[in-house]
């Protein structure tokens, strides 16, 4: 029996050979890896792979970003320029925005955004575009891994058919897996290397290859399927969303009772079992908590199932900016006999979490909209965010707000200051000394042991 006849009788013997060849290249770290999407997920992963000795091609459609990276400049504040420069210098990192550069790669890893549409439904346009780009470059013996957060079934139902439109077949010509990202921007302790990596394969062969790859960087945690791995990520973020909503609701109740919610939480967390501290705020931001649970709710409707707790948590968290604005209006009225209309309000911190510059889904954006709808004049100060581009709700025109310098005269001129993000480099004592009214949505001044009648927790 000749080789061709043997392959025709048992095509998967060829697949085994492909797996063996790719597995060997992965273990020897001489395979070429392409990471599509160089944001808060893709760039740290890229550098971790480089640190492990892999040659990595980083792809992003944002030409300003790729231009900066090519010049050795980091595009995320938690990554030092020297890290990028070193990866380029040792010639293990290339960066491109050209689709034509994506050929001849052994592994493709998709790390693109998965936002919500204007109707709060999954928007997979970036995943689809990435899969189509990979499909044009599939030639066999390749591993494709999805890391972008999505609903269970996306890898099998959306990505796989696009890849197979190339004429190649999953588990015969190429291998497909899903491994959810677990990035925590600004967290110096949690990194790609220190956080275990959940891995699910479209088949056992695909899982073996993906596990072998991630084992070079971190600790893989194999699960039974891509859908299970997709569900793991959503379960993690639903857990956070629900618990944050719980403390946000408790805040409104305890506030009505004259009880300090932050004091309650700090005391409760001394219990060494059965309790985990979550903290209230002006809403939730970032890609994960405001977005990911809605991917699961949307998918659940396909099975005619309700996600009551998830949906209630989403409503509570999205209502918090309005709660803060109401609290501010109440304090302005009671203290100064002045309404929100024509009041000058300073938002302190616009990023969705401390010590990063990411404003995606930040509650600060909704707060600004709410305040302007009520007729307030709004400025913001953020040492990490230079400007905010947004659409003015009153006239529909594009508007750019610039961060203002936090000076004594500025603080004296404001009717109130609303603390939204507690960056460590903000001059909190200066705010205490010179602001007329401070609405603290993060419990900053309690942690700093600063007491003043002008400080109101909200």
Protein backbone atom coordinates (compact mmCIF):
# COMPACT_ATOMS: atom_id res chain seq x y z
CA UNK A 1 0.00 0.00 0.00
CA UNK A 2 1.52 3.37 -1.06
CA UNK A 3 1.46 6.49 1.17
CA UNK A 4 -1.40 8.15 -0.75
CA UNK A 5 -3.60 5.07 -0.45
CA UNK A 6 -2.81 4.81 3.26
CA UNK A 7 -3.76 8.41 3.87
CA UNK A 8 -7.01 7.99 1.91
CA UNK A 9 -7.94 4.97 4.02
CA UNK A 10 -7.01 6.66 7.30
CA UNK A 11 -6.81 10.45 6.88
CA UNK A 12 -6.40 10.97 10.61
CA UNK A 13 -3.05 9.19 10.53
CA UNK A 14 -1.89 12.31 8.71
CA UNK A 15 -3.46 14.42 11.47
CA UNK A 16 -1.42 12.50 14.03
CA UNK A 17 1.71 13.32 12.08
CA UNK A 18 0.74 16.99 11.97
CA UNK A 19 0.17 16.96 15.72
CA UNK A 20 3.51 15.27 16.36
CA UNK A 21 5.36 17.80 14.21
CA UNK A 22 3.66 20.82 15.79
CA UNK A 23 4.05 19.44 19.31
CA UNK A 24 7.75 18.99 18.73
CA UNK A 25 8.11 22.59 17.51
CA UNK A 26 6.17 23.89 20.50
CA UNK A 27 8.27 21.95 23.01
CA UNK A 28 11.47 23.03 21.26
CA UNK A 29 10.15 26.61 21.17
CA UNK A 30 11.01 26.95 17.51
CA UNK A 31 7.43 27.51 16.32
CA UNK A 32 6.26 30.92 15.10
CA UNK A 33 3.37 32.47 17.04
CA UNK A 34 1.08 35.27 15.89
CA UNK A 35 -0.94 37.18 18.51
CA UNK A 36 -3.84 39.11 16.99
CA UNK A 37 -4.76 42.11 19.16
CA UNK A 38 -2.12 43.93 21.22
CA UNK A 39 -4.25 45.43 23.98
CA UNK A 40 -4.44 44.66 27.69
CA UNK A 41 -4.64 40.92 26.92
CA UNK A 42 -2.54 40.42 23.80
CA UNK A 43 0.49 42.53 24.66
CA UNK A 44 1.26 40.93 28.06
CA UNK A 45 0.74 37.48 26.50
CA UNK A 46 3.08 38.38 23.65
CA UNK A 47 5.84 39.46 26.01
CA UNK A 48 5.39 36.36 28.17
CA UNK A 49 5.81 34.16 25.11
CA UNK A 50 8.93 36.11 24.13
CA UNK A 51 10.28 35.68 27.67
CA UNK A 52 9.77 31.93 27.23
CA UNK A 53 11.90 32.00 24.09
CA UNK A 54 9.24 31.99 21.35
CA UNK A 55 9.36 34.10 18.21
CA UNK A 56 6.16 36.19 18.19
CA UNK A 57 4.50 38.34 15.54
CA UNK A 58 2.16 40.87 17.15
CA UNK A 59 -0.68 42.07 14.92
CA UNK A 60 -3.01 45.00 15.55
CA UNK A 61 -5.13 47.08 13.18
CA UNK A 62 -4.30 50.25 15.18
CA UNK A 63 -1.35 51.66 13.23
CA UNK A 64 -0.56 54.25 15.90
CA UNK A 65 -0.16 51.42 18.38
CA UNK A 66 2.04 49.28 16.16
CA UNK A 67 4.16 52.31 15.23
CA UNK A 68 4.80 53.00 18.93
CA UNK A 69 5.64 49.35 19.64
CA UNK A 70 8.02 49.17 16.70
CA UNK A 71 9.80 52.18 18.17
CA UNK A 72 10.15 50.38 21.50
CA UNK A 73 7.42 52.34 23.29
CA UNK A 74 4.93 50.46 25.46
CA UNK A 75 1.25 51.17 24.86
CA UNK A 76 0.09 49.97 28.30
CA UNK A 77 1.19 51.80 31.45
CA UNK A 78 1.93 48.60 33.37
CA UNK A 79 4.59 47.59 30.80
CA UNK A 80 7.92 49.39 30.66
CA UNK A 81 9.36 50.65 27.38
CA UNK A 82 12.54 48.69 28.11
CA UNK A 83 10.55 45.45 27.97
CA UNK A 84 9.39 46.19 24.42
CA UNK A 85 12.81 47.42 23.34
CA UNK A 86 14.50 44.26 24.65
CA UNK A 87 12.03 41.97 22.86
CA UNK A 88 12.75 43.80 19.61
CA UNK A 89 16.50 43.82 20.20
CA UNK A 90 16.75 40.06 20.67
CA UNK A 91 14.66 39.69 17.50
CA UNK A 92 11.94 37.56 19.05
CA UNK A 93 9.26 40.22 18.56
CA UNK A 94 7.90 41.69 15.33
CA UNK A 95 4.93 44.02 15.15
CA UNK A 96 2.68 44.68 12.18
CA UNK A 97 -0.64 46.04 10.99
CA UNK A 98 -0.37 44.34 7.61
CA UNK A 99 -2.56 41.31 6.97
CA UNK A 100 -0.06 40.12 4.38
CA UNK A 101 2.46 39.48 7.18
CA UNK A 102 0.29 36.81 8.85
CA UNK A 103 1.39 33.90 6.67
CA UNK A 104 3.76 31.08 7.70
CA UNK A 105 2.78 31.08 11.37
CA UNK A 106 2.48 27.88 13.40
CA UNK A 107 0.16 29.24 16.11
CA UNK A 108 -2.45 32.00 15.95
CA UNK A 109 -3.88 33.43 19.20
CA UNK A 110 -6.94 35.71 19.00
CA UNK A 111 -6.94 38.44 21.69
CA UNK A 112 -9.31 41.00 20.13
CA UNK A 113 -12.10 42.97 21.87
CA UNK A 114 -15.60 41.51 22.26
CA UNK A 115 -17.79 44.51 23.19
CA UNK A 116 -21.55 44.87 23.35
CA UNK A 117 -23.56 46.43 20.54
CA UNK A 118 -25.70 49.53 21.07
CA UNK A 119 -28.53 47.12 21.91
CA UNK A 120 -26.37 45.38 24.55
CA UNK A 121 -25.95 42.22 22.49
CA UNK A 122 -22.64 40.43 21.70
CA UNK A 123 -20.60 42.20 19.04
CA UNK A 124 -18.21 39.68 17.49
CA UNK A 125 -17.06 41.77 14.54
CA UNK A 126 -13.43 41.77 15.72
CA UNK A 127 -13.41 38.02 16.35
CA UNK A 128 -14.90 37.39 12.92
CA UNK A 129 -12.36 39.66 11.25
CA UNK A 130 -9.49 37.93 13.06
CA UNK A 131 -10.78 34.46 12.12
CA UNK A 132 -11.16 35.52 8.48
CA UNK A 133 -7.59 36.86 8.46
CA UNK A 134 -6.30 33.57 9.85
CA UNK A 135 -8.38 31.53 7.38
CA UNK A 136 -6.60 33.28 4.52
CA UNK A 137 -3.27 32.09 5.95
CA UNK A 138 -4.04 28.52 7.01
CA UNK A 139 -1.88 25.94 5.31
CA UNK A 140 -1.94 22.99 7.73
CA UNK A 141 -0.01 21.91 10.82
CA UNK A 142 -1.30 24.99 12.69
CA UNK A 143 -2.93 25.68 16.05
CA UNK A 144 -5.54 28.43 16.49
CA UNK A 145 -6.46 29.57 20.00
CA UNK A 146 -9.24 31.98 21.00
CA UNK A 147 -8.63 34.05 24.14
CA UNK A 148 -11.24 36.76 23.63
CA UNK A 149 -14.08 36.54 26.16
CA UNK A 150 -17.33 35.32 24.61
CA UNK A 151 -20.41 33.16 25.09
CA UNK A 152 -20.22 29.34 25.16
CA UNK A 153 -20.25 27.97 21.63
CA UNK A 154 -18.49 30.84 19.85
CA UNK A 155 -15.32 28.89 19.06
CA UNK A 156 -17.24 25.94 17.60
CA UNK A 157 -20.15 27.81 16.02
CA UNK A 158 -18.49 30.99 14.72
CA UNK A 159 -14.70 30.63 14.55
CA UNK A 160 -14.48 27.03 13.34
CA UNK A 161 -16.73 27.47 10.24
CA UNK A 162 -14.79 30.58 9.22
CA UNK A 163 -11.49 28.72 9.49
CA UNK A 164 -12.88 25.74 7.60
CA UNK A 165 -14.01 28.05 4.78
CA UNK A 166 -10.35 27.86 3.80
CA UNK A 167 -10.99 24.29 2.65
CA UNK A 168 -9.03 22.86 5.57
CA UNK A 169 -10.67 20.75 8.26
CA UNK A 170 -10.43 21.12 12.04
CA UNK A 171 -8.52 18.28 13.73
CA UNK A 172 -7.37 17.01 10.36
CA UNK A 173 -5.48 19.98 8.89
CA UNK A 174 -5.45 22.46 11.78
CA UNK A 175 -6.30 22.43 15.51
CA UNK A 176 -8.61 24.74 17.42
CA UNK A 177 -8.75 25.60 21.15
CA UNK A 178 -10.06 28.20 23.58
CA UNK A 179 -8.24 29.60 26.61
CA UNK A 180 -9.87 32.56 28.40
CA UNK A 181 -7.66 35.49 29.29
CA UNK A 182 -7.23 36.26 32.98
CA UNK A 183 -5.57 39.66 32.84
CA UNK A 184 -6.00 42.15 35.67
CA UNK A 185 -4.57 45.48 34.44
CA UNK A 186 -2.61 47.29 37.12
CA UNK A 187 -2.16 44.17 39.27
CA UNK A 188 1.59 43.72 39.70
CA UNK A 189 1.20 40.30 41.33
CA UNK A 190 -1.14 38.60 38.86
CA UNK A 191 0.58 38.03 35.52
CA UNK A 192 0.41 35.57 32.64
CA UNK A 193 3.15 33.54 34.32
CA UNK A 194 1.55 33.42 37.80
CA UNK A 195 -2.11 32.87 36.95
CA UNK A 196 -3.19 29.33 35.87
CA UNK A 197 -4.61 29.08 32.35
CA UNK A 198 -7.85 27.23 31.61
CA UNK A 199 -7.62 25.38 28.28
CA UNK A 200 -10.34 23.65 26.28
CA UNK A 201 -9.80 22.03 22.88
CA UNK A 202 -12.21 21.44 20.03
CA UNK A 203 -10.75 17.93 20.21
CA UNK A 204 -8.37 16.08 22.51
CA UNK A 205 -5.57 16.63 20.02
CA UNK A 206 -6.17 20.38 19.95
CA UNK A 207 -6.27 20.50 23.73
CA UNK A 208 -2.97 18.59 24.01
CA UNK A 209 -1.29 21.10 21.71
CA UNK A 210 -2.71 24.17 23.49
CA UNK A 211 -1.80 22.74 26.90
CA UNK A 212 1.74 22.07 25.66
CA UNK A 213 2.04 25.68 24.50
CA UNK A 214 0.73 27.31 27.67
CA UNK A 215 2.81 24.96 29.82
CA UNK A 216 5.88 26.80 28.49
CA UNK A 217 4.56 29.99 30.10
CA UNK A 218 2.28 29.11 33.01
CA UNK A 219 0.22 26.31 34.62
CA UNK A 220 -2.49 24.99 32.26
CA UNK A 221 -5.84 23.78 33.61
CA UNK A 222 -7.42 21.44 31.01
CA UNK A 223 -11.22 21.29 30.72
CA UNK A 224 -13.41 19.06 28.58
CA UNK A 225 -14.33 21.41 25.72
CA UNK A 226 -14.04 24.90 24.25
CA UNK A 227 -17.59 25.66 25.45
CA UNK A 228 -16.63 24.73 29.02
CA UNK A 229 -13.58 27.00 28.86
CA UNK A 230 -15.74 29.82 27.50
CA UNK A 231 -18.21 29.27 30.36
CA UNK A 232 -15.43 29.37 32.97
CA UNK A 233 -14.54 32.95 32.03
CA UNK A 234 -18.17 34.06 32.20
CA UNK A 235 -18.67 32.34 35.56
CA UNK A 236 -15.68 34.21 36.99
CA UNK A 237 -16.99 37.60 35.89
CA UNK A 238 -20.63 36.91 36.76
CA UNK A 239 -19.42 36.12 40.28
CA UNK A 240 -17.76 39.52 40.51
CA UNK A 241 -20.69 41.37 38.95
CA UNK A 242 -23.24 39.86 41.32
CA UNK A 243 -21.15 40.49 44.43
CA UNK A 244 -20.38 44.08 43.46
CA UNK A 245 -24.09 44.64 42.83
CA UNK A 246 -24.82 43.19 46.27
CA UNK A 247 -22.56 45.65 48.08
CA UNK A 248 -23.83 48.50 45.89
CA UNK A 249 -27.37 47.67 46.98
CA UNK A 250 -26.26 47.33 50.60
CA UNK A 251 -24.65 50.77 50.31
CA UNK A 252 -27.97 52.39 49.43
CA UNK A 253 -29.70 50.60 52.32
CA UNK A 254 -27.01 51.28 54.92
CA UNK A 255 -26.71 54.90 53.79
CA UNK A 256 -30.42 55.40 54.49
CA UNK A 257 -29.79 53.98 57.97
CA UNK A 258 -26.82 56.23 58.60
CA UNK A 259 -24.37 53.30 58.57
CA UNK A 260 -20.94 53.45 56.93
CA UNK A 261 -20.85 50.62 54.36
CA UNK A 262 -17.05 50.59 54.16
CA UNK A 263 -16.80 50.17 57.93
CA UNK A 264 -19.24 47.27 57.74
CA UNK A 265 -17.21 45.54 55.01
CA UNK A 266 -13.89 46.07 56.78
CA UNK A 267 -15.30 44.53 59.94
CA UNK A 268 -16.99 41.65 58.09
CA UNK A 269 -13.80 40.65 56.29
CA UNK A 270 -12.13 39.80 59.59
CA UNK A 271 -14.19 36.61 59.52
CA UNK A 272 -11.78 33.96 58.17
CA UNK A 273 -14.46 31.86 56.46
CA UNK A 274 -17.70 32.27 54.55
CA UNK A 275 -17.06 35.87 53.49
CA UNK A 276 -15.09 37.60 50.74
CA UNK A 277 -14.89 41.41 50.64
CA UNK A 278 -16.24 43.32 47.65
CA UNK A 279 -16.53 47.11 47.66
CA UNK A 280 -19.20 49.49 46.37
CA UNK A 281 -18.55 52.23 43.87
CA UNK A 282 -20.11 54.60 41.32
CA UNK A 283 -20.74 51.74 38.90
CA UNK A 284 -18.58 49.17 37.13
CA UNK A 285 -16.25 49.58 34.18
CA UNK A 286 -13.70 47.85 32.01
CA UNK A 287 -14.34 45.11 29.50
CA UNK A 288 -15.23 42.32 31.91
CA UNK A 289 -17.91 43.11 34.48
CA UNK A 290 -20.22 45.43 32.51
CA UNK A 291 -19.97 43.29 29.36
CA UNK A 292 -19.26 39.59 29.92
CA UNK A 293 -22.35 38.65 31.98
CA UNK A 294 -24.51 39.99 29.15
CA UNK A 295 -22.91 37.49 26.77
CA UNK A 296 -24.21 34.70 28.99
CA UNK A 297 -27.66 36.27 29.39
CA UNK A 298 -27.94 36.65 25.63
CA UNK A 299 -26.94 33.03 25.00
CA UNK A 300 -29.29 31.75 27.72
CA UNK A 301 -32.27 33.22 25.85
CA UNK A 302 -31.53 30.80 23.01
CA UNK A 303 -32.48 28.05 25.47
CA UNK A 304 -35.53 30.01 26.76
CA UNK A 305 -33.86 30.42 30.14
CA UNK A 306 -33.91 33.53 32.33
CA UNK A 307 -30.84 34.84 34.12
CA UNK A 308 -32.64 36.78 36.84
CA UNK A 309 -29.73 37.29 39.24
CA UNK A 310 -27.32 38.27 36.47
CA UNK A 311 -29.80 40.74 35.00
CA UNK A 312 -30.65 42.22 38.41
CA UNK A 313 -26.96 42.70 39.15
CA UNK A 314 -26.50 44.46 35.83
CA UNK A 315 -29.42 46.82 36.56
CA UNK A 316 -28.08 47.66 40.02
CA UNK A 317 -24.54 48.32 38.82
CA UNK A 318 -25.73 50.44 35.91
CA UNK A 319 -27.95 52.48 38.24
CA UNK A 320 -25.11 53.58 40.52
CA UNK A 321 -24.05 56.69 38.54
CA UNK A 322 -27.61 58.00 38.89
CA UNK A 323 -27.49 57.25 42.62
CA UNK A 324 -24.27 59.27 42.95
CA UNK A 325 -25.74 62.19 41.02
CA UNK A 326 -28.85 62.15 43.24
CA UNK A 327 -26.67 62.14 46.35
CA UNK A 328 -24.65 65.05 45.00
CA UNK A 329 -27.77 67.04 44.15
CA UNK A 330 -29.16 66.42 47.64
CA UNK A 331 -25.95 67.60 49.33
CA UNK A 332 -25.70 70.73 47.16
CA UNK A 333 -29.29 71.62 48.00
CA UNK A 334 -29.04 70.97 51.74
CA UNK A 335 -25.64 72.62 52.25
CA UNK A 336 -25.73 75.54 49.84
CA UNK A 337 -29.30 75.85 48.60
CA UNK A 338 -27.97 75.31 45.09
CA UNK A 339 -29.14 72.82 42.48
CA UNK A 340 -27.08 70.94 39.93
CA UNK A 341 -27.99 73.30 37.10
CA UNK A 342 -25.01 75.64 36.48
CA UNK A 343 -23.02 74.03 39.29
CA UNK A 344 -19.36 73.47 38.44
CA UNK A 345 -18.42 69.86 39.22
CA UNK A 346 -14.97 68.28 39.12
CA UNK A 347 -14.72 64.54 38.44
CA UNK A 348 -11.54 63.14 40.00
CA UNK A 349 -10.39 59.99 38.18
CA UNK A 350 -11.99 58.73 34.99
CA UNK A 351 -10.31 55.34 34.44
CA UNK A 352 -12.44 52.36 35.40
CA UNK A 353 -9.97 51.22 38.08
CA UNK A 354 -6.98 52.69 39.95
CA UNK A 355 -3.56 53.28 38.44
CA UNK A 356 -4.39 52.51 34.81
CA UNK A 357 -5.51 54.71 31.92
CA UNK A 358 -8.27 52.47 30.56
CA UNK A 359 -11.64 54.27 30.41
CA UNK A 360 -13.64 51.50 28.69
CA UNK A 361 -17.16 51.42 30.14
CA UNK A 362 -15.96 53.65 33.00
CA UNK A 363 -18.76 54.89 35.27
CA UNK A 364 -17.12 58.32 35.06
CA UNK A 365 -18.38 58.63 31.49
CA UNK A 366 -21.98 58.03 32.51
CA UNK A 367 -21.58 60.37 35.48
CA UNK A 368 -20.45 63.15 33.17
CA UNK A 369 -23.44 62.52 30.89
CA UNK A 370 -25.86 62.50 33.83
CA UNK A 371 -24.45 65.72 35.26
CA UNK A 372 -24.53 67.53 31.94
CA UNK A 373 -28.13 66.44 31.36
CA UNK A 374 -28.93 68.10 34.69
CA UNK A 375 -27.29 71.32 33.49
CA UNK A 376 -24.00 71.05 35.41
CA UNK A 377 -20.66 72.24 34.07
CA UNK A 378 -18.18 69.37 34.27
CA UNK A 379 -14.38 69.16 34.28
CA UNK A 380 -12.19 66.22 35.15
CA UNK A 381 -8.76 65.54 36.59
CA UNK A 382 -6.94 62.28 35.95
CA UNK A 383 -3.14 61.99 36.05
CA UNK A 384 -3.27 59.00 33.67
CA UNK A 385 -6.00 60.07 31.24
CA UNK A 386 -5.16 63.17 29.23
CA UNK A 387 -8.45 63.56 27.39
CA UNK A 388 -11.87 62.03 26.82
CA UNK A 389 -13.62 62.06 23.46
CA UNK A 390 -17.39 61.79 23.71
CA UNK A 391 -20.63 62.88 22.10
CA UNK A 392 -22.33 65.80 23.84
CA UNK A 393 -25.85 64.64 24.74
CA UNK A 394 -27.26 68.15 24.38
CA UNK A 395 -26.25 68.93 20.79
CA UNK A 396 -24.94 65.59 19.47
CA UNK A 397 -21.56 67.07 18.60
CA UNK A 398 -18.27 65.33 19.26
CA UNK A 399 -16.62 66.86 22.30
CA UNK A 400 -13.14 66.48 23.75
CA UNK A 401 -12.62 67.06 27.46
CA UNK A 402 -9.06 67.69 28.62
CA UNK A 403 -7.84 66.74 32.07
CA UNK A 404 -7.35 69.87 34.17
CA UNK A 405 -4.52 70.52 36.61
CA UNK A 406 -5.48 69.99 40.24
CA UNK A 407 -4.67 73.40 41.71
CA UNK A 408 -5.87 75.27 44.80
CA UNK A 409 -7.66 77.85 42.67
CA UNK A 410 -9.41 75.15 40.61
CA UNK A 411 -10.65 73.34 43.72
CA UNK A 412 -11.85 76.62 45.25
CA UNK A 413 -13.83 77.38 42.10
CA UNK A 414 -15.73 74.08 42.10
CA UNK A 415 -19.11 73.62 43.75
CA UNK A 416 -18.24 69.97 44.39
CA UNK A 417 -15.66 67.29 43.72
CA UNK A 418 -16.76 63.74 42.90
CA UNK A 419 -14.15 61.04 43.48
CA UNK A 420 -14.61 58.27 40.90
CA UNK A 421 -11.18 56.60 40.62
CA UNK A 422 -8.69 56.40 43.48
CA UNK A 423 -5.35 56.67 41.65
CA UNK A 424 -2.49 56.54 44.12
CA UNK A 425 -0.82 59.70 42.78
CA UNK A 426 -3.79 62.04 43.29
CA UNK A 427 -3.26 64.78 45.88
CA UNK A 428 -6.02 63.76 48.28
CA UNK A 429 -4.97 66.09 51.07
CA UNK A 430 -5.10 69.06 48.72
CA UNK A 431 -8.64 68.09 47.74
CA UNK A 432 -9.59 67.89 51.41
CA UNK A 433 -8.04 71.28 52.15
CA UNK A 434 -9.56 73.26 49.28
CA UNK A 435 -12.77 71.61 48.01
CA UNK A 436 -16.14 72.86 49.27
CA UNK A 437 -17.88 69.48 49.02
CA UNK A 438 -16.44 66.02 48.30
CA UNK A 439 -18.55 63.09 47.17
CA UNK A 440 -16.39 60.02 47.84
CA UNK A 441 -17.63 56.99 45.88
CA UNK A 442 -14.60 54.83 46.71
CA UNK A 443 -14.08 55.18 50.46
CA UNK A 444 -10.73 56.86 49.77
CA UNK A 445 -10.78 59.23 52.70
CA UNK A 446 -11.74 56.50 55.16
CA UNK A 447 -8.69 54.49 54.12
CA UNK A 448 -6.53 57.58 54.50
CA UNK A 449 -8.11 58.32 57.91
CA UNK A 450 -9.09 61.79 56.70
CA UNK A 451 -12.15 63.12 58.50
CA UNK A 452 -13.99 66.27 57.45
CA UNK A 453 -17.63 67.33 57.42
CA UNK A 454 -17.35 68.24 53.74
CA UNK A 455 -16.70 64.56 52.83
CA UNK A 456 -19.80 62.54 51.93
CA UNK A 457 -19.66 58.84 51.06
CA UNK A 458 -21.86 57.81 48.18
